[in-house]
Amino acid sequence: MAVESGTNTETVKGNSSLTIQAGSRTVDVTGGDYSATSSQAVLLQGKGAGVGIIGHVEGVSMLGNGQGVSITGNDAGVNVVGNGNGVRLFGRSTFYAEGSAEATIQSPVVNIGDQEVRIFGTKIVLQAGGGSITIDATGVTVAGTIVKIN
């Protein structure tokens, strides 16, 4: 089917499916937008190479009303990479991050908090250069070549 100009509209009452065997399907929309809307769910499933979403110029935006947005990565997990201005994660009113074995923040400069900062644990170690401060059940241990107390 070819439409040279004008509008092509298909209305299907009931179910509809399209199967492409041993090939691929490409949809090019030039000079307009492409949208998929469903009263129930829109599912994208990529077996093998997965699903890729690329947004040029304005990027990619995900909005979840109701139950929010959930991203789950099995096997290799989830990677979020921010080129340019990096990655920003916001939580209003709470931000929660959890690692079942370890959580790591690695950067030349790490800024935490702008008012009250609380750190909880059975043992807290602050370490820099040759010195350290350890807080645990036995008390507070300050270690270093020179310890200055003002």
Protein backbone atom coordinates (compact mmCIF):
# COMPACT_ATOMS: atom_id res chain seq x y z
CA MET A 1 0.00 0.00 0.00
CA ALA A 2 1.39 3.39 -0.93
CA VAL A 3 -0.08 6.77 -0.14
CA GLU A 4 1.54 9.47 -2.25
CA SER A 5 -0.19 12.39 -0.58
CA GLY A 6 -3.10 13.00 1.73
CA THR A 7 -4.07 10.93 4.74
CA ASN A 8 -4.29 7.19 5.28
CA THR A 9 -6.55 6.18 8.17
CA GLU A 10 -7.19 2.63 9.32
CA THR A 11 -9.80 1.84 11.95
CA VAL A 12 -9.94 -1.64 13.43
CA LYS A 13 -12.67 -2.74 15.82
CA GLY A 14 -11.43 -5.63 17.93
CA ASN A 15 -7.88 -6.99 17.97
CA SER A 16 -5.19 -6.40 15.39
CA SER A 17 -1.66 -7.76 15.00
CA LEU A 18 1.19 -7.52 12.55
CA THR A 19 3.80 -10.27 12.25
CA ILE A 20 7.01 -9.77 10.29
CA GLN A 21 8.94 -13.00 9.84
CA ALA A 22 12.70 -13.01 9.22
CA GLY A 23 12.93 -9.30 8.60
CA SER A 24 12.54 -5.91 10.20
CA ARG A 25 10.09 -3.03 10.18
CA THR A 26 11.07 0.59 9.95
CA VAL A 27 8.68 3.49 10.36
CA ASP A 28 9.93 6.86 9.15
CA VAL A 29 7.87 9.95 9.91
CA THR A 30 9.21 13.03 8.17
CA GLY A 31 7.86 16.47 8.95
CA GLY A 32 5.67 15.34 11.83
CA ASP A 33 5.36 13.33 15.01
CA TYR A 34 4.85 9.65 15.80
CA SER A 35 2.78 8.66 18.81
CA ALA A 36 1.37 5.48 20.30
CA THR A 37 -1.56 5.74 22.69
CA SER A 38 -3.42 2.98 24.45
CA SER A 39 -6.24 2.95 26.98
CA GLN A 40 -4.47 0.04 28.72
CA ALA A 41 -0.71 -0.38 28.14
CA VAL A 42 1.96 0.32 25.54
CA LEU A 43 4.65 -2.37 25.59
CA LEU A 44 7.97 -2.30 23.76
CA GLN A 45 9.86 -5.57 23.88
CA GLY A 46 13.16 -6.23 22.18
CA LYS A 47 14.41 -9.80 22.27
CA GLY A 48 18.08 -10.22 21.50
CA ALA A 49 19.42 -6.69 21.06
CA GLY A 50 16.89 -5.13 23.46
CA VAL A 51 15.10 -1.79 23.10
CA GLY A 52 16.84 1.47 22.36
CA ILE A 53 15.27 4.91 22.80
CA ILE A 54 17.14 7.88 21.36
CA GLY A 55 15.96 11.47 21.58
CA HIS A 56 17.89 13.97 19.52
CA VAL A 57 17.85 17.71 20.30
CA GLU A 58 15.27 17.65 23.14
CA GLY A 59 16.44 14.30 24.58
CA VAL A 60 14.23 11.64 26.14
CA SER A 61 11.63 12.28 28.80
CA MET A 62 9.81 9.66 30.87
CA LEU A 63 6.81 10.59 32.99
CA GLY A 64 4.87 8.17 35.14
CA ASN A 65 1.61 9.34 36.65
CA GLY A 66 -0.05 7.24 39.32
CA GLN A 67 2.51 4.54 40.12
CA GLY A 68 5.49 6.57 38.82
CA VAL A 69 8.33 5.18 36.71
CA SER A 70 10.11 1.92 37.43
CA ILE A 71 13.33 0.88 35.70
CA THR A 72 14.55 -2.64 36.36
CA GLY A 73 17.74 -4.14 34.98
CA ASN A 74 18.32 -7.86 35.24
CA ASP A 75 21.70 -9.56 34.77
CA ALA A 76 23.93 -6.53 34.01
CA GLY A 77 21.74 -4.14 36.04
CA VAL A 78 20.92 -0.55 35.12
CA ASN A 79 23.42 2.00 33.86
CA VAL A 80 22.57 5.69 33.68
CA VAL A 81 25.20 7.68 31.81
CA GLY A 82 25.05 11.43 31.49
CA ASN A 83 27.27 12.99 28.87
CA GLY A 84 27.44 16.75 28.82
CA ASN A 85 25.85 18.04 32.02
CA GLY A 86 25.93 14.66 33.75
CA VAL A 87 23.14 12.88 35.63
CA ARG A 88 20.67 14.48 38.02
CA LEU A 89 18.37 12.48 40.29
CA PHE A 90 15.69 14.31 42.24
CA GLY A 91 13.39 13.09 44.96
CA ARG A 92 10.58 15.28 46.20
CA SER A 93 10.24 15.09 49.10
CA THR A 94 12.53 12.08 49.70
CA PHE A 95 15.43 10.58 47.78
CA TYR A 96 16.31 6.99 48.63
CA ALA A 97 19.21 4.91 47.30
CA GLU A 98 20.04 1.39 48.45
CA GLY A 99 22.74 -1.13 47.64
CA SER A 100 22.23 -4.62 49.04
CA ALA A 101 26.02 -5.22 49.25
CA GLU A 102 27.71 -1.85 48.71
CA ALA A 103 26.92 1.70 47.62
CA THR A 104 29.75 3.77 46.16
CA ILE A 105 30.06 7.43 45.24
CA GLN A 106 33.29 8.19 43.41
CA SER A 107 34.21 11.68 42.28
CA PRO A 108 37.09 14.15 42.70
CA VAL A 109 34.72 16.29 44.84
CA VAL A 110 31.66 15.00 46.72
CA ASN A 111 29.24 17.47 48.30
CA ILE A 112 26.69 16.09 50.75
CA GLY A 113 23.89 18.15 52.26
CA ASP A 114 23.42 21.84 52.85
CA GLN A 115 22.07 21.77 56.40
CA GLU A 116 21.92 18.77 58.70
CA VAL A 117 23.77 15.60 57.62
CA ARG A 118 23.20 12.33 59.47
CA ILE A 119 25.24 9.17 58.94
CA PHE A 120 24.12 5.92 60.57
CA GLY A 121 25.97 2.64 60.93
CA THR A 122 27.58 0.27 63.40
CA LYS A 123 30.96 1.65 62.33
CA ILE A 124 31.73 4.96 60.61
CA VAL A 125 35.20 5.65 59.24
CA LEU A 126 36.32 9.01 57.84
CA GLN A 127 39.64 8.58 56.09
CA ALA A 128 41.89 10.99 54.21
CA GLY A 129 45.62 10.95 53.58
CA GLY A 130 47.34 9.32 56.55
CA GLY A 131 44.62 10.10 59.11
CA SER A 132 41.27 8.71 60.10
CA ILE A 133 38.40 9.10 62.52
CA THR A 134 36.58 5.91 63.48
CA ILE A 135 33.30 5.88 65.38
CA ASP A 136 32.11 2.47 66.58
CA ALA A 137 30.82 0.67 69.66
CA THR A 138 34.18 1.11 71.44
CA GLY A 139 34.10 4.92 71.08
CA VAL A 140 35.82 7.50 68.88
CA THR A 141 39.34 6.86 67.58
CA VAL A 142 41.33 9.66 65.99
CA ALA A 143 44.47 8.46 64.23
CA GLY A 144 47.13 10.38 62.30
CA THR A 145 50.75 11.38 62.24
CA ILE A 146 49.76 14.67 63.90
CA VAL A 147 46.39 15.24 65.57
CA LYS A 148 45.42 18.88 66.00
CA ILE A 149 42.62 19.80 68.40
CA ASN A 150 41.56 23.43 68.48
